[in-house]
């Protein structure tokens, strides 16, 4: 079983943001689905799940992963819950999914596009912390590239909702 995970991304040169993008005023939909395309990976001691499509909206992936970590923690019994809690992260441009299943404090993460690969297993607390760090680190990188993005109120909202743990 894995205890440590690493999340990462690379932006694509094939799908650049439109040059006229107003990052300061971009809507949530634009921020999540139309900008910052590339690939993502989740690496753990027992395997790696990664995309190689070049068009995954990286900010949306980070944001959705934080949402899923919270969704998997809704059972009042928390890490004592024997009931399996599930969530899917879907990729909008195809039918592929990252599937999450939590039981007790363990989360199995599988990828539908890698059917022969066993799921990666991580502690829920590690997934939550790494997802939030990944979101905050991704935003910091994007601010370096597009300083006006830091002035977008939608970004302030997501930063406040998912601070580092």
N, C-alpha and C. Protein backbone atom coordinates (compact mmCIF):
# COMPACT_ATOMS: atom_id res chain seq x y z
N UNK A 1 0.83 -1.19 0.00
CA UNK A 1 0.00 0.00 0.00
C UNK A 1 0.88 1.25 0.00
N UNK A 2 0.42 2.25 -0.72
CA UNK A 2 1.18 3.49 -0.82
C UNK A 2 0.81 4.43 0.32
N UNK A 3 1.76 5.20 0.75
CA UNK A 3 1.51 6.22 1.76
C UNK A 3 1.79 7.61 1.21
N UNK A 4 2.61 7.68 0.18
CA UNK A 4 3.01 8.96 -0.37
C UNK A 4 2.56 9.05 -1.82
N UNK A 5 2.00 10.20 -2.17
CA UNK A 5 1.64 10.43 -3.56
C UNK A 5 2.25 11.75 -4.01
N UNK A 6 2.41 11.85 -5.30
CA UNK A 6 2.87 13.09 -5.91
C UNK A 6 1.94 13.39 -7.08
N UNK A 7 1.51 14.62 -7.14
CA UNK A 7 0.67 15.09 -8.25
C UNK A 7 1.48 16.06 -9.08
N UNK A 8 1.31 16.03 -10.37
CA UNK A 8 2.04 16.94 -11.23
C UNK A 8 1.31 17.19 -12.53
N UNK A 9 1.85 18.11 -13.31
CA UNK A 9 1.24 18.46 -14.58
C UNK A 9 2.30 19.01 -15.52
N UNK A 10 1.94 19.05 -16.77
CA UNK A 10 2.72 19.77 -17.78
C UNK A 10 1.72 20.44 -18.71
N UNK A 11 2.01 21.68 -19.07
CA UNK A 11 1.14 22.40 -19.99
C UNK A 11 1.52 22.05 -21.42
N UNK A 12 0.53 22.05 -22.30
CA UNK A 12 0.72 21.66 -23.68
C UNK A 12 1.05 22.86 -24.56
N UNK A 13 1.97 22.68 -25.47
CA UNK A 13 2.23 23.70 -26.49
C UNK A 13 1.24 23.60 -27.63
N UNK A 14 0.58 22.46 -27.77
CA UNK A 14 -0.39 22.25 -28.86
C UNK A 14 -1.70 22.97 -28.61
N UNK A 15 -2.02 23.23 -27.35
CA UNK A 15 -3.30 23.86 -27.01
C UNK A 15 -3.06 25.09 -26.14
N UNK A 16 -2.44 26.13 -26.69
CA UNK A 16 -2.17 27.32 -25.87
C UNK A 16 -3.44 28.10 -25.59
N UNK A 17 -3.38 28.90 -24.53
CA UNK A 17 -4.50 29.80 -24.22
C UNK A 17 -4.59 30.84 -25.33
N UNK A 18 -5.80 31.30 -25.65
CA UNK A 18 -5.92 32.37 -26.66
C UNK A 18 -5.16 33.62 -26.21
N UNK A 19 -4.44 34.27 -27.12
CA UNK A 19 -3.61 35.42 -26.72
C UNK A 19 -4.42 36.59 -26.16
N UNK A 20 -5.68 36.71 -26.50
CA UNK A 20 -6.50 37.82 -26.03
C UNK A 20 -7.19 37.53 -24.69
N UNK A 21 -6.82 36.45 -24.02
CA UNK A 21 -7.47 36.05 -22.77
C UNK A 21 -7.33 37.14 -21.71
N UNK A 22 -8.46 37.48 -21.10
CA UNK A 22 -8.49 38.42 -19.98
C UNK A 22 -8.55 37.59 -18.70
N UNK A 23 -7.39 37.22 -18.18
CA UNK A 23 -7.32 36.34 -17.01
C UNK A 23 -7.94 36.97 -15.77
N UNK A 24 -7.89 38.28 -15.66
CA UNK A 24 -8.42 38.98 -14.49
C UNK A 24 -9.94 38.82 -14.38
N UNK A 25 -10.62 38.72 -15.52
CA UNK A 25 -12.08 38.66 -15.53
C UNK A 25 -12.65 37.36 -16.06
N UNK A 26 -11.82 36.34 -16.24
CA UNK A 26 -12.29 35.07 -16.79
C UNK A 26 -13.31 34.42 -15.85
N UNK A 27 -14.35 33.85 -16.44
CA UNK A 27 -15.40 33.20 -15.67
C UNK A 27 -14.90 31.86 -15.12
N UNK A 28 -15.66 31.31 -14.19
CA UNK A 28 -15.31 30.00 -13.64
C UNK A 28 -15.27 28.97 -14.75
N UNK A 29 -16.25 29.01 -15.64
CA UNK A 29 -16.27 28.04 -16.74
C UNK A 29 -15.03 28.16 -17.62
N UNK A 30 -14.65 29.37 -17.96
CA UNK A 30 -13.45 29.58 -18.78
C UNK A 30 -12.20 29.09 -18.05
N UNK A 31 -12.09 29.44 -16.77
CA UNK A 31 -10.93 29.03 -15.99
C UNK A 31 -10.83 27.51 -15.88
N UNK A 32 -11.96 26.87 -15.70
CA UNK A 32 -11.94 25.42 -15.47
C UNK A 32 -11.84 24.61 -16.75
N UNK A 33 -12.41 25.08 -17.85
CA UNK A 33 -12.52 24.20 -19.01
C UNK A 33 -11.82 24.69 -20.27
N UNK A 34 -11.49 25.97 -20.35
CA UNK A 34 -10.97 26.50 -21.61
C UNK A 34 -9.50 26.89 -21.57
N UNK A 35 -8.90 26.94 -20.41
CA UNK A 35 -7.53 27.44 -20.29
C UNK A 35 -6.60 26.40 -19.66
N UNK A 36 -5.32 26.62 -19.80
CA UNK A 36 -4.28 25.86 -19.10
C UNK A 36 -4.35 24.35 -19.38
N UNK A 37 -4.37 23.99 -20.66
CA UNK A 37 -4.47 22.59 -21.06
C UNK A 37 -3.11 21.91 -21.06
N UNK A 38 -3.12 20.65 -20.74
CA UNK A 38 -1.89 19.86 -20.73
C UNK A 38 -2.18 18.44 -20.29
N UNK A 39 -1.27 17.90 -19.48
CA UNK A 39 -1.42 16.54 -18.95
C UNK A 39 -1.17 16.56 -17.45
N UNK A 40 -1.72 15.55 -16.77
CA UNK A 40 -1.60 15.43 -15.33
C UNK A 40 -1.14 14.03 -14.97
N UNK A 41 -0.54 13.92 -13.78
CA UNK A 41 -0.19 12.59 -13.30
C UNK A 41 -0.35 12.50 -11.79
N UNK A 42 -0.63 11.29 -11.37
CA UNK A 42 -0.70 10.94 -9.96
C UNK A 42 0.26 9.77 -9.79
N UNK A 43 1.31 9.99 -9.03
CA UNK A 43 2.36 8.99 -8.85
C UNK A 43 2.36 8.56 -7.39
N UNK A 44 2.34 7.25 -7.17
CA UNK A 44 2.38 6.70 -5.81
C UNK A 44 3.39 5.57 -5.77
N UNK A 45 3.65 5.09 -4.56
CA UNK A 45 4.62 4.01 -4.39
C UNK A 45 4.24 2.78 -5.20
N UNK A 46 2.94 2.54 -5.37
CA UNK A 46 2.50 1.32 -6.04
C UNK A 46 2.03 1.52 -7.47
N UNK A 47 2.31 2.68 -8.08
CA UNK A 47 1.95 2.87 -9.48
C UNK A 47 1.79 4.33 -9.85
N UNK A 48 1.51 4.54 -11.12
CA UNK A 48 1.31 5.89 -11.64
C UNK A 48 0.11 5.90 -12.57
N UNK A 49 -0.68 6.94 -12.46
CA UNK A 49 -1.79 7.18 -13.37
C UNK A 49 -1.51 8.51 -14.04
N UNK A 50 -1.44 8.52 -15.35
CA UNK A 50 -1.16 9.78 -16.04
C UNK A 50 -1.91 9.83 -17.37
N UNK A 51 -2.13 11.04 -17.81
CA UNK A 51 -2.74 11.25 -19.13
C UNK A 51 -1.62 11.57 -20.11
N UNK A 52 -1.91 11.38 -21.36
CA UNK A 52 -0.95 11.73 -22.42
C UNK A 52 -1.73 12.30 -23.60
N UNK A 53 -2.73 13.08 -23.29
CA UNK A 53 -3.62 13.61 -24.31
C UNK A 53 -3.28 15.04 -24.71
N UNK A 54 -2.70 15.80 -23.80
CA UNK A 54 -2.31 17.18 -24.10
C UNK A 54 -3.41 18.21 -23.93
N UNK A 55 -4.63 17.80 -23.72
CA UNK A 55 -5.75 18.77 -23.65
C UNK A 55 -6.46 18.81 -22.30
N UNK A 56 -5.96 18.13 -21.28
CA UNK A 56 -6.63 18.11 -19.98
C UNK A 56 -6.55 19.51 -19.36
N UNK A 57 -7.67 20.10 -18.98
CA UNK A 57 -7.64 21.40 -18.29
C UNK A 57 -7.02 21.22 -16.88
N UNK A 58 -5.79 21.64 -16.73
CA UNK A 58 -5.01 21.37 -15.53
C UNK A 58 -5.62 22.03 -14.29
N UNK A 59 -6.05 23.27 -14.40
CA UNK A 59 -6.65 23.94 -13.25
C UNK A 59 -7.94 23.22 -12.84
N UNK A 60 -8.74 22.81 -13.80
CA UNK A 60 -9.96 22.08 -13.49
C UNK A 60 -9.64 20.77 -12.78
N UNK A 61 -8.61 20.07 -13.24
CA UNK A 61 -8.22 18.82 -12.61
C UNK A 61 -7.88 19.06 -11.14
N UNK A 62 -7.07 20.07 -10.86
CA UNK A 62 -6.67 20.38 -9.49
C UNK A 62 -7.89 20.74 -8.64
N UNK A 63 -8.75 21.56 -9.18
CA UNK A 63 -9.96 22.02 -8.49
C UNK A 63 -10.87 20.82 -8.20
N UNK A 64 -11.11 19.98 -9.22
CA UNK A 64 -11.99 18.82 -9.08
C UNK A 64 -11.43 17.81 -8.09
N UNK A 65 -10.12 17.64 -8.07
CA UNK A 65 -9.50 16.71 -7.14
C UNK A 65 -9.73 17.16 -5.69
N UNK A 66 -9.67 18.45 -5.45
CA UNK A 66 -9.97 18.99 -4.11
C UNK A 66 -11.43 18.72 -3.76
N UNK A 67 -12.34 18.95 -4.71
CA UNK A 67 -13.76 18.66 -4.49
C UNK A 67 -13.98 17.20 -4.13
N UNK A 68 -13.30 16.30 -4.86
CA UNK A 68 -13.48 14.86 -4.64
C UNK A 68 -12.94 14.46 -3.26
N UNK A 69 -11.81 14.99 -2.87
CA UNK A 69 -11.27 14.67 -1.54
C UNK A 69 -12.28 15.04 -0.45
N UNK A 70 -12.98 16.15 -0.63
CA UNK A 70 -14.00 16.55 0.34
C UNK A 70 -15.23 15.66 0.24
N UNK A 71 -15.63 15.34 -0.97
CA UNK A 71 -16.80 14.48 -1.18
C UNK A 71 -16.59 13.11 -0.52
N UNK A 72 -15.38 12.59 -0.61
CA UNK A 72 -15.08 11.29 -0.02
C UNK A 72 -15.03 11.33 1.51
N UNK A 73 -15.19 12.49 2.09
CA UNK A 73 -15.13 12.64 3.54
C UNK A 73 -16.48 13.03 4.13
N UNK A 74 -17.54 12.78 3.42
CA UNK A 74 -18.86 13.21 3.90
C UNK A 74 -19.50 12.23 4.88
N UNK A 75 -18.99 11.02 4.96
CA UNK A 75 -19.55 10.04 5.89
C UNK A 75 -19.28 10.51 7.32
N UNK A 76 -20.29 10.56 8.18
CA UNK A 76 -20.08 11.03 9.55
C UNK A 76 -19.09 10.17 10.35
N UNK A 77 -18.88 8.92 9.93
CA UNK A 77 -17.92 8.06 10.63
C UNK A 77 -16.48 8.31 10.20
N UNK A 78 -16.28 9.16 9.20
CA UNK A 78 -14.93 9.52 8.77
C UNK A 78 -14.08 8.31 8.44
N UNK A 79 -12.86 8.26 8.99
CA UNK A 79 -11.96 7.17 8.63
C UNK A 79 -12.33 5.85 9.32
N UNK A 80 -13.41 5.83 10.09
CA UNK A 80 -13.90 4.59 10.68
C UNK A 80 -15.02 3.98 9.83
N UNK A 81 -15.40 4.65 8.75
CA UNK A 81 -16.53 4.20 7.93
C UNK A 81 -16.17 2.97 7.10
N UNK A 82 -16.92 1.90 7.32
CA UNK A 82 -16.70 0.68 6.54
C UNK A 82 -17.40 0.75 5.19
N UNK A 83 -18.39 1.62 5.07
CA UNK A 83 -19.10 1.77 3.80
C UNK A 83 -18.17 2.37 2.76
N UNK A 84 -18.22 1.85 1.56
CA UNK A 84 -17.39 2.38 0.49
C UNK A 84 -18.03 3.67 -0.03
N UNK A 85 -17.23 4.73 -0.09
CA UNK A 85 -17.66 6.01 -0.64
C UNK A 85 -16.96 6.18 -1.98
N UNK A 86 -17.69 6.53 -3.02
CA UNK A 86 -17.09 6.61 -4.34
C UNK A 86 -17.31 7.99 -4.97
N UNK A 87 -16.43 8.31 -5.89
CA UNK A 87 -16.55 9.55 -6.68
C UNK A 87 -15.78 9.33 -7.98
N UNK A 88 -16.19 10.03 -9.02
CA UNK A 88 -15.51 9.96 -10.31
C UNK A 88 -15.08 11.35 -10.73
N UNK A 89 -13.91 11.43 -11.32
CA UNK A 89 -13.43 12.65 -11.95
C UNK A 89 -13.47 12.37 -13.45
N UNK A 90 -14.35 13.08 -14.15
CA UNK A 90 -14.49 12.82 -15.59
C UNK A 90 -13.72 13.85 -16.40
N UNK A 91 -13.24 13.38 -17.52
CA UNK A 91 -12.51 14.23 -18.45
C UNK A 91 -13.49 14.64 -19.54
N UNK A 92 -13.72 15.92 -19.67
CA UNK A 92 -14.84 16.43 -20.48
C UNK A 92 -14.72 16.17 -21.98
N UNK A 93 -13.53 15.94 -22.48
CA UNK A 93 -13.38 15.76 -23.93
C UNK A 93 -13.45 14.30 -24.36
N UNK A 94 -13.60 13.37 -23.43
CA UNK A 94 -13.79 11.97 -23.77
C UNK A 94 -14.58 11.30 -22.66
N UNK A 95 -14.67 9.99 -22.69
CA UNK A 95 -15.47 9.29 -21.69
C UNK A 95 -14.64 8.68 -20.57
N UNK A 96 -13.38 9.02 -20.49
CA UNK A 96 -12.49 8.44 -19.48
C UNK A 96 -12.73 9.05 -18.10
N UNK A 97 -12.45 8.25 -17.08
CA UNK A 97 -12.68 8.66 -15.69
C UNK A 97 -11.50 8.26 -14.80
N UNK A 98 -11.28 9.05 -13.77
CA UNK A 98 -10.51 8.60 -12.62
C UNK A 98 -11.56 8.20 -11.60
N UNK A 99 -11.48 6.99 -11.09
CA UNK A 99 -12.46 6.48 -10.15
C UNK A 99 -11.83 6.40 -8.76
N UNK A 100 -12.53 6.94 -7.78
CA UNK A 100 -12.06 6.98 -6.40
C UNK A 100 -13.02 6.15 -5.55
N UNK A 101 -12.47 5.29 -4.69
CA UNK A 101 -13.28 4.49 -3.77
C UNK A 101 -12.59 4.51 -2.42
N UNK A 102 -13.30 5.06 -1.42
CA UNK A 102 -12.73 5.16 -0.07
C UNK A 102 -13.43 4.18 0.85
N UNK A 103 -12.64 3.45 1.62
CA UNK A 103 -13.14 2.62 2.71
C UNK A 103 -12.17 2.81 3.86
N UNK A 104 -12.70 3.10 5.03
CA UNK A 104 -11.90 3.49 6.18
C UNK A 104 -11.05 4.69 5.76
N UNK A 105 -9.75 4.66 5.93
CA UNK A 105 -8.94 5.83 5.56
C UNK A 105 -8.16 5.60 4.27
N UNK A 106 -8.53 4.58 3.50
CA UNK A 106 -7.81 4.25 2.27
C UNK A 106 -8.64 4.59 1.05
N UNK A 107 -7.99 5.17 0.06
CA UNK A 107 -8.66 5.52 -1.19
C UNK A 107 -7.94 4.79 -2.33
N UNK A 108 -8.72 4.04 -3.10
CA UNK A 108 -8.21 3.43 -4.32
C UNK A 108 -8.54 4.36 -5.47
N UNK A 109 -7.54 4.62 -6.31
CA UNK A 109 -7.73 5.50 -7.46
C UNK A 109 -7.38 4.69 -8.71
N UNK A 110 -8.38 4.51 -9.57
CA UNK A 110 -8.17 3.77 -10.81
C UNK A 110 -8.50 4.64 -12.01
N UNK A 111 -7.93 4.29 -13.15
CA UNK A 111 -8.15 5.05 -14.39
C UNK A 111 -8.79 4.14 -15.42
N UNK A 112 -9.91 4.55 -15.99
CA UNK A 112 -10.60 3.72 -16.97
C UNK A 112 -9.78 3.53 -18.24
N UNK A 113 -8.87 4.45 -18.55
CA UNK A 113 -8.06 4.31 -19.76
C UNK A 113 -6.86 3.39 -19.54
N UNK A 114 -6.69 2.92 -18.31
CA UNK A 114 -5.62 1.97 -17.97
C UNK A 114 -6.25 0.75 -17.30
N UNK A 115 -7.09 0.00 -18.04
CA UNK A 115 -7.86 -1.07 -17.40
C UNK A 115 -7.02 -2.22 -16.84
N UNK A 116 -5.82 -2.41 -17.35
CA UNK A 116 -4.98 -3.50 -16.86
C UNK A 116 -4.09 -3.10 -15.68
N UNK A 117 -4.10 -1.81 -15.36
CA UNK A 117 -3.29 -1.33 -14.24
C UNK A 117 -4.09 -1.41 -12.94
N UNK A 118 -3.50 -1.92 -11.87
CA UNK A 118 -4.22 -1.93 -10.59
C UNK A 118 -4.38 -0.50 -10.08
N UNK A 119 -5.39 -0.27 -9.25
CA UNK A 119 -5.56 1.08 -8.71
C UNK A 119 -4.40 1.45 -7.79
N UNK A 120 -4.15 2.74 -7.72
CA UNK A 120 -3.20 3.30 -6.77
C UNK A 120 -3.95 3.44 -5.45
N UNK A 121 -3.30 3.13 -4.35
CA UNK A 121 -3.93 3.20 -3.04
C UNK A 121 -3.20 4.23 -2.18
N UNK A 122 -3.97 5.17 -1.62
CA UNK A 122 -3.38 6.22 -0.79
C UNK A 122 -4.27 6.45 0.44
N UNK A 123 -3.69 7.01 1.46
CA UNK A 123 -4.48 7.44 2.62
C UNK A 123 -5.32 8.65 2.21
N UNK A 124 -6.54 8.72 2.72
CA UNK A 124 -7.41 9.85 2.39
C UNK A 124 -6.78 11.17 2.83
N UNK A 125 -6.21 11.18 4.03
CA UNK A 125 -5.61 12.43 4.52
C UNK A 125 -4.47 12.89 3.61
N UNK A 126 -3.72 11.95 3.07
CA UNK A 126 -2.63 12.28 2.14
C UNK A 126 -3.20 12.82 0.82
N UNK A 127 -4.26 12.19 0.33
CA UNK A 127 -4.90 12.65 -0.90
C UNK A 127 -5.40 14.08 -0.72
N UNK A 128 -6.08 14.35 0.39
CA UNK A 128 -6.61 15.70 0.65
C UNK A 128 -5.48 16.73 0.70
N UNK A 129 -4.42 16.44 1.46
CA UNK A 129 -3.31 17.39 1.59
C UNK A 129 -2.62 17.60 0.25
N UNK A 130 -2.34 16.54 -0.47
CA UNK A 130 -1.64 16.66 -1.75
C UNK A 130 -2.51 17.37 -2.79
N UNK A 131 -3.81 17.11 -2.79
CA UNK A 131 -4.70 17.79 -3.73
C UNK A 131 -4.69 19.30 -3.49
N UNK A 132 -4.76 19.69 -2.23
CA UNK A 132 -4.74 21.13 -1.92
C UNK A 132 -3.39 21.76 -2.24
N UNK A 133 -2.31 21.06 -1.91
CA UNK A 133 -0.98 21.58 -2.26
C UNK A 133 -0.84 21.70 -3.77
N UNK A 134 -1.32 20.70 -4.50
CA UNK A 134 -1.24 20.71 -5.95
C UNK A 134 -2.02 21.91 -6.52
N UNK A 135 -3.21 22.15 -6.01
CA UNK A 135 -3.99 23.30 -6.47
C UNK A 135 -3.24 24.60 -6.19
N UNK A 136 -2.76 24.78 -4.98
CA UNK A 136 -2.08 26.02 -4.62
C UNK A 136 -0.77 26.20 -5.41
N UNK A 137 -0.02 25.10 -5.61
CA UNK A 137 1.21 25.17 -6.40
C UNK A 137 0.92 25.47 -7.86
N UNK A 138 -0.12 24.86 -8.40
CA UNK A 138 -0.51 25.11 -9.79
C UNK A 138 -0.90 26.57 -9.96
N UNK A 139 -1.69 27.09 -9.03
CA UNK A 139 -2.07 28.51 -9.11
C UNK A 139 -0.84 29.41 -9.03
N UNK A 140 0.09 29.11 -8.15
CA UNK A 140 1.32 29.92 -8.05
C UNK A 140 2.08 29.92 -9.38
N UNK A 141 2.18 28.75 -10.01
CA UNK A 141 2.84 28.67 -11.32
C UNK A 141 2.10 29.50 -12.36
N UNK A 142 0.78 29.40 -12.36
CA UNK A 142 -0.02 30.15 -13.34
C UNK A 142 0.07 31.66 -13.09
N UNK A 143 0.16 32.06 -11.82
CA UNK A 143 0.34 33.48 -11.49
C UNK A 143 1.67 33.99 -12.04
N UNK A 144 2.70 33.16 -11.98
CA UNK A 144 4.00 33.56 -12.54
C UNK A 144 3.90 33.80 -14.04
N UNK A 145 3.11 32.97 -14.72
CA UNK A 145 2.95 33.11 -16.18
C UNK A 145 1.98 34.22 -16.55
N UNK A 146 0.94 34.38 -15.73
CA UNK A 146 -0.14 35.34 -16.01
C UNK A 146 -0.46 36.10 -14.72
N UNK A 147 0.32 37.12 -14.36
CA UNK A 147 0.13 37.82 -13.07
C UNK A 147 -1.30 38.34 -12.85
N UNK A 148 -1.97 38.73 -13.90
CA UNK A 148 -3.33 39.26 -13.75
C UNK A 148 -4.33 38.20 -13.27
N UNK A 149 -4.00 36.92 -13.42
CA UNK A 149 -4.86 35.84 -12.92
C UNK A 149 -5.04 35.93 -11.40
N UNK A 150 -4.02 36.39 -10.71
CA UNK A 150 -4.08 36.53 -9.25
C UNK A 150 -5.13 37.55 -8.81
N UNK A 151 -5.59 38.40 -9.72
CA UNK A 151 -6.61 39.41 -9.41
C UNK A 151 -8.02 38.94 -9.73
N UNK A 152 -8.18 37.70 -10.17
CA UNK A 152 -9.49 37.18 -10.55
C UNK A 152 -10.25 36.74 -9.29
N UNK A 153 -11.44 37.32 -9.03
CA UNK A 153 -12.21 36.96 -7.83
C UNK A 153 -12.58 35.47 -7.75
N UNK A 154 -12.75 34.82 -8.90
CA UNK A 154 -13.04 33.38 -8.90
C UNK A 154 -11.86 32.58 -8.36
N UNK A 155 -10.67 33.06 -8.62
CA UNK A 155 -9.47 32.41 -8.10
C UNK A 155 -9.38 32.62 -6.59
N UNK A 156 -9.72 33.82 -6.13
CA UNK A 156 -9.72 34.09 -4.69
C UNK A 156 -10.65 33.10 -3.97
N UNK A 157 -11.81 32.85 -4.59
CA UNK A 157 -12.79 31.94 -3.99
C UNK A 157 -12.23 30.54 -3.84
N UNK A 158 -11.63 30.01 -4.91
CA UNK A 158 -11.10 28.64 -4.83
C UNK A 158 -9.89 28.57 -3.91
N UNK A 159 -9.07 29.61 -3.88
CA UNK A 159 -7.93 29.63 -2.96
C UNK A 159 -8.41 29.59 -1.50
N UNK A 160 -9.46 30.34 -1.20
CA UNK A 160 -10.00 30.37 0.16
C UNK A 160 -10.70 29.09 0.53
N UNK A 161 -11.32 28.46 -0.44
CA UNK A 161 -12.07 27.23 -0.17
C UNK A 161 -11.14 26.05 0.10
N UNK A 162 -9.98 26.03 -0.56
CA UNK A 162 -9.05 24.91 -0.44
C UNK A 162 -7.66 25.38 -0.05
N UNK A 163 -7.50 25.93 1.15
CA UNK A 163 -6.15 26.35 1.58
C UNK A 163 -5.26 25.14 1.83
N UNK A 164 -3.98 25.37 1.91
CA UNK A 164 -3.06 24.30 2.27
C UNK A 164 -3.40 23.78 3.67
N UNK A 165 -3.15 22.52 3.87
CA UNK A 165 -3.42 21.90 5.19
C UNK A 165 -2.09 21.78 5.91
